[in-house]
């Protein structure tokens, strides 16, 4: 059995921002990005232990086709996504979220 994926408000904002950017570049890219994110969420839900812990209890799941990563932690049967960030974004951005700052 898998776990349930929950997006924090910050992760929702990250996702909206990325989709908007890809939609402006090419609507087909936005669709592919959405498909890649959904696939990553499925992989996390099915077996989150596949993804390395990068700090404390936070795991990083790298998307297959886009330069983004999903940062989450699992508590019981729930995976809380803290951030969805481009690889060039500062590490402190998601670390602050894990400390409750955003």
N, C-alpha and C. Protein backbone atom coordinates (compact mmCIF):
# COMPACT_ATOMS: atom_id res chain seq x y z
N UNK A 1 0.83 -1.18 0.00
CA UNK A 1 0.00 0.00 0.00
C UNK A 1 0.87 1.25 0.00
N UNK A 2 0.41 2.24 -0.69
CA UNK A 2 1.15 3.48 -0.79
C UNK A 2 0.73 4.49 0.25
N UNK A 3 1.43 5.59 0.24
CA UNK A 3 1.07 6.66 1.15
C UNK A 3 0.34 7.77 0.37
N UNK A 4 -0.32 8.60 1.09
CA UNK A 4 -1.08 9.71 0.52
C UNK A 4 -0.17 10.93 0.37
N UNK A 5 -0.24 11.61 -0.77
CA UNK A 5 0.57 12.80 -1.03
C UNK A 5 -0.24 14.03 -0.66
N UNK A 6 0.35 14.89 0.17
CA UNK A 6 -0.26 16.16 0.55
C UNK A 6 0.74 17.27 0.20
N UNK A 7 0.28 18.29 -0.48
CA UNK A 7 1.15 19.42 -0.83
C UNK A 7 0.95 20.55 0.18
N UNK A 8 2.06 21.05 0.71
CA UNK A 8 2.00 22.22 1.58
C UNK A 8 1.61 23.43 0.73
N UNK A 9 1.19 24.52 1.34
CA UNK A 9 0.89 25.72 0.55
C UNK A 9 2.09 26.19 -0.28
N UNK A 10 3.28 26.09 0.27
CA UNK A 10 4.48 26.48 -0.48
C UNK A 10 4.71 25.59 -1.69
N UNK A 11 4.49 24.30 -1.54
CA UNK A 11 4.66 23.36 -2.66
C UNK A 11 3.62 23.62 -3.74
N UNK A 12 2.39 23.94 -3.31
CA UNK A 12 1.35 24.28 -4.30
C UNK A 12 1.76 25.51 -5.10
N UNK A 13 2.30 26.50 -4.41
CA UNK A 13 2.75 27.72 -5.09
C UNK A 13 3.90 27.41 -6.05
N UNK A 14 4.82 26.55 -5.62
CA UNK A 14 5.93 26.14 -6.50
C UNK A 14 5.39 25.49 -7.76
N UNK A 15 4.45 24.58 -7.59
CA UNK A 15 3.88 23.85 -8.72
C UNK A 15 3.17 24.80 -9.68
N UNK A 16 2.34 25.69 -9.14
CA UNK A 16 1.65 26.66 -10.00
C UNK A 16 2.63 27.52 -10.77
N UNK A 17 3.68 27.97 -10.11
CA UNK A 17 4.68 28.82 -10.75
C UNK A 17 5.38 28.08 -11.89
N UNK A 18 5.76 26.85 -11.66
CA UNK A 18 6.46 26.08 -12.69
C UNK A 18 5.54 25.81 -13.87
N UNK A 19 4.30 25.44 -13.60
CA UNK A 19 3.36 25.16 -14.69
C UNK A 19 3.11 26.43 -15.50
N UNK A 20 2.95 27.55 -14.82
CA UNK A 20 2.76 28.83 -15.54
C UNK A 20 3.93 29.13 -16.46
N UNK A 21 5.15 28.92 -15.94
CA UNK A 21 6.34 29.22 -16.74
C UNK A 21 6.38 28.33 -17.98
N UNK A 22 6.17 27.03 -17.80
CA UNK A 22 6.19 26.11 -18.94
C UNK A 22 5.05 26.41 -19.91
N UNK A 23 3.89 26.79 -19.39
CA UNK A 23 2.76 27.11 -20.26
C UNK A 23 3.08 28.31 -21.16
N UNK A 24 3.78 29.30 -20.59
CA UNK A 24 4.18 30.46 -21.40
C UNK A 24 5.19 30.07 -22.47
N UNK A 25 6.08 29.14 -22.14
CA UNK A 25 7.09 28.70 -23.10
C UNK A 25 6.48 27.85 -24.21
N UNK A 26 5.66 26.89 -23.78
CA UNK A 26 5.03 25.96 -24.73
C UNK A 26 3.98 25.14 -23.96
N UNK A 27 2.71 25.27 -24.32
CA UNK A 27 1.67 24.53 -23.60
C UNK A 27 1.93 23.03 -23.53
N UNK A 28 2.54 22.46 -24.55
CA UNK A 28 2.83 21.02 -24.53
C UNK A 28 3.85 20.70 -23.43
N UNK A 29 4.78 21.61 -23.18
CA UNK A 29 5.76 21.41 -22.10
C UNK A 29 5.06 21.39 -20.75
N UNK A 30 4.09 22.26 -20.58
CA UNK A 30 3.36 22.30 -19.31
C UNK A 30 2.65 20.97 -19.06
N UNK A 31 2.09 20.39 -20.11
CA UNK A 31 1.42 19.09 -19.98
C UNK A 31 2.44 18.01 -19.63
N UNK A 32 3.58 18.01 -20.30
CA UNK A 32 4.62 17.01 -20.00
C UNK A 32 5.14 17.17 -18.58
N UNK A 33 5.31 18.43 -18.15
CA UNK A 33 5.76 18.69 -16.78
C UNK A 33 4.75 18.13 -15.78
N UNK A 34 3.46 18.38 -16.01
CA UNK A 34 2.42 17.85 -15.13
C UNK A 34 2.44 16.34 -15.06
N UNK A 35 2.64 15.71 -16.20
CA UNK A 35 2.71 14.25 -16.25
C UNK A 35 3.92 13.74 -15.46
N UNK A 36 5.05 14.44 -15.59
CA UNK A 36 6.27 14.05 -14.87
C UNK A 36 6.07 14.21 -13.36
N UNK A 37 5.45 15.31 -12.94
CA UNK A 37 5.18 15.53 -11.51
C UNK A 37 4.26 14.42 -10.98
N UNK A 38 3.19 14.13 -11.72
CA UNK A 38 2.26 13.09 -11.28
C UNK A 38 2.97 11.74 -11.15
N UNK A 39 3.84 11.44 -12.09
CA UNK A 39 4.60 10.19 -12.02
C UNK A 39 5.51 10.16 -10.81
N UNK A 40 6.12 11.29 -10.51
CA UNK A 40 7.00 11.37 -9.33
C UNK A 40 6.19 11.18 -8.05
N UNK A 41 5.03 11.83 -7.98
CA UNK A 41 4.16 11.63 -6.81
C UNK A 41 3.77 10.17 -6.66
N UNK A 42 3.46 9.51 -7.77
CA UNK A 42 3.10 8.07 -7.72
C UNK A 42 4.27 7.24 -7.18
N UNK A 43 5.50 7.55 -7.68
CA UNK A 43 6.67 6.80 -7.21
C UNK A 43 6.89 7.02 -5.71
N UNK A 44 6.71 8.25 -5.25
CA UNK A 44 6.85 8.53 -3.81
C UNK A 44 5.80 7.73 -3.04
N UNK A 45 4.56 7.78 -3.49
CA UNK A 45 3.46 7.09 -2.80
C UNK A 45 3.68 5.58 -2.74
N UNK A 46 4.21 5.03 -3.83
CA UNK A 46 4.41 3.58 -3.88
C UNK A 46 5.58 3.11 -3.04
N UNK A 47 6.69 3.86 -3.03
CA UNK A 47 7.85 3.43 -2.27
C UNK A 47 8.78 4.62 -2.02
N UNK A 48 8.44 5.41 -1.02
CA UNK A 48 9.21 6.62 -0.72
C UNK A 48 10.65 6.30 -0.31
N UNK A 49 10.91 5.09 0.15
CA UNK A 49 12.27 4.74 0.58
C UNK A 49 13.27 4.69 -0.57
N UNK A 50 12.77 4.74 -1.80
CA UNK A 50 13.67 4.79 -2.96
C UNK A 50 14.43 6.11 -3.03
N UNK A 51 13.94 7.13 -2.34
CA UNK A 51 14.50 8.46 -2.47
C UNK A 51 15.37 8.80 -1.27
N UNK A 52 16.52 9.41 -1.53
CA UNK A 52 17.47 9.65 -0.44
C UNK A 52 17.00 10.74 0.52
N UNK A 53 17.39 10.56 1.76
CA UNK A 53 17.21 11.61 2.76
C UNK A 53 18.33 12.61 2.53
N UNK A 54 17.96 13.87 2.36
CA UNK A 54 18.96 14.89 2.07
C UNK A 54 19.21 15.81 3.26
N UNK A 55 18.29 15.80 4.22
CA UNK A 55 18.47 16.59 5.43
C UNK A 55 17.44 16.15 6.45
N UNK A 56 17.89 15.78 7.63
CA UNK A 56 17.00 15.30 8.68
C UNK A 56 16.08 14.21 8.14
N UNK A 57 14.79 14.49 7.99
CA UNK A 57 13.83 13.50 7.49
C UNK A 57 13.34 13.83 6.09
N UNK A 58 13.91 14.84 5.48
CA UNK A 58 13.45 15.29 4.16
C UNK A 58 14.08 14.44 3.06
N UNK A 59 13.23 13.94 2.19
CA UNK A 59 13.67 13.14 1.05
C UNK A 59 13.56 13.97 -0.22
N UNK A 60 14.41 13.65 -1.19
CA UNK A 60 14.38 14.35 -2.48
C UNK A 60 14.10 13.35 -3.58
N UNK A 61 13.06 13.64 -4.35
CA UNK A 61 12.70 12.82 -5.52
C UNK A 61 12.89 13.70 -6.75
N UNK A 62 13.81 13.30 -7.60
CA UNK A 62 14.13 14.07 -8.80
C UNK A 62 13.17 13.65 -9.93
N UNK A 63 12.63 14.63 -10.63
CA UNK A 63 11.76 14.33 -11.77
C UNK A 63 12.57 13.65 -12.86
N UNK A 64 11.89 12.89 -13.68
CA UNK A 64 12.57 12.12 -14.74
C UNK A 64 13.03 12.99 -15.89
N UNK A 65 12.19 13.95 -16.33
CA UNK A 65 12.47 14.68 -17.57
C UNK A 65 12.67 16.18 -17.41
N UNK A 66 12.53 16.69 -16.19
CA UNK A 66 12.65 18.13 -15.98
C UNK A 66 13.62 18.38 -14.83
N UNK A 67 14.27 19.54 -14.82
CA UNK A 67 15.28 19.83 -13.78
C UNK A 67 14.64 20.30 -12.48
N UNK A 68 13.77 19.48 -11.94
CA UNK A 68 13.07 19.80 -10.69
C UNK A 68 13.19 18.63 -9.74
N UNK A 69 13.01 18.95 -8.46
CA UNK A 69 12.97 17.91 -7.43
C UNK A 69 11.82 18.19 -6.48
N UNK A 70 11.27 17.12 -5.94
CA UNK A 70 10.21 17.19 -4.94
C UNK A 70 10.85 16.89 -3.60
N UNK A 71 10.66 17.79 -2.64
CA UNK A 71 11.19 17.62 -1.29
C UNK A 71 10.03 17.29 -0.35
N UNK A 72 10.12 16.15 0.32
CA UNK A 72 9.00 15.73 1.16
C UNK A 72 9.50 14.95 2.37
N UNK A 73 8.62 14.80 3.32
CA UNK A 73 8.88 13.86 4.42
C UNK A 73 7.64 13.02 4.64
N UNK A 74 7.88 11.82 5.09
CA UNK A 74 6.80 10.86 5.26
C UNK A 74 6.58 10.62 6.74
N UNK A 75 5.32 10.70 7.12
CA UNK A 75 4.93 10.44 8.49
C UNK A 75 3.77 9.45 8.44
N UNK A 76 4.05 8.24 8.79
CA UNK A 76 3.01 7.21 8.71
C UNK A 76 2.67 6.93 7.25
N UNK A 77 1.41 7.14 6.90
CA UNK A 77 0.97 6.88 5.52
C UNK A 77 0.75 8.17 4.74
N UNK A 78 1.39 9.26 5.19
CA UNK A 78 1.25 10.54 4.51
C UNK A 78 2.62 11.09 4.14
N UNK A 79 2.75 11.50 2.88
CA UNK A 79 3.97 12.17 2.42
C UNK A 79 3.62 13.64 2.25
N UNK A 80 4.22 14.48 3.07
CA UNK A 80 3.99 15.91 2.99
C UNK A 80 5.05 16.54 2.09
N UNK A 81 4.62 17.06 0.96
CA UNK A 81 5.53 17.72 0.02
C UNK A 81 5.74 19.14 0.51
N UNK A 82 6.99 19.48 0.82
CA UNK A 82 7.35 20.80 1.32
C UNK A 82 7.71 21.77 0.21
N UNK A 83 8.30 21.24 -0.88
CA UNK A 83 8.75 22.11 -1.97
C UNK A 83 8.87 21.32 -3.25
N UNK A 84 8.69 22.02 -4.36
CA UNK A 84 8.93 21.50 -5.70
C UNK A 84 9.78 22.55 -6.38
N UNK A 85 11.08 22.28 -6.47
CA UNK A 85 12.01 23.34 -6.88
C UNK A 85 12.89 22.95 -8.05
N UNK A 86 13.18 23.95 -8.86
CA UNK A 86 14.16 23.81 -9.93
C UNK A 86 15.51 23.55 -9.28
N UNK A 87 16.36 22.81 -9.95
CA UNK A 87 17.66 22.46 -9.39
C UNK A 87 18.52 23.68 -9.07
N UNK A 88 18.27 24.79 -9.72
CA UNK A 88 19.08 26.00 -9.47
C UNK A 88 18.61 26.82 -8.28
N UNK A 89 17.47 26.47 -7.70
CA UNK A 89 16.97 27.23 -6.55
C UNK A 89 17.85 26.96 -5.33
N UNK A 90 17.93 27.93 -4.47
CA UNK A 90 18.77 27.82 -3.28
C UNK A 90 18.24 26.74 -2.34
N UNK A 91 19.15 25.95 -1.80
CA UNK A 91 18.79 24.89 -0.86
C UNK A 91 18.07 25.46 0.36
N UNK A 92 18.43 26.65 0.78
CA UNK A 92 17.81 27.22 1.98
C UNK A 92 16.32 27.45 1.79
N UNK A 93 15.86 27.55 0.57
CA UNK A 93 14.44 27.78 0.31
C UNK A 93 13.60 26.64 0.89
N UNK A 94 13.96 25.41 0.62
CA UNK A 94 13.17 24.29 1.15
C UNK A 94 13.54 23.99 2.59
N UNK A 95 14.76 24.28 2.99
CA UNK A 95 15.13 24.06 4.40
C UNK A 95 14.29 24.94 5.29
N UNK A 96 14.09 26.19 4.89
CA UNK A 96 13.26 27.09 5.69
C UNK A 96 11.83 26.56 5.82
N UNK A 97 11.34 25.95 4.77
CA UNK A 97 9.99 25.39 4.83
C UNK A 97 9.92 24.25 5.84
N UNK A 98 10.95 23.46 5.94
CA UNK A 98 10.93 22.35 6.88
C UNK A 98 10.98 22.85 8.31
N UNK A 99 11.46 24.07 8.48
CA UNK A 99 11.49 24.67 9.81
C UNK A 99 10.25 25.48 10.11
N UNK A 100 9.25 25.40 9.22
CA UNK A 100 7.99 26.06 9.45
C UNK A 100 7.93 27.51 9.04
N UNK A 101 8.92 27.97 8.28
CA UNK A 101 8.94 29.39 7.91
C UNK A 101 8.12 29.69 6.66
N UNK A 102 7.86 28.70 5.81
CA UNK A 102 6.99 28.95 4.65
C UNK A 102 6.38 27.67 4.14
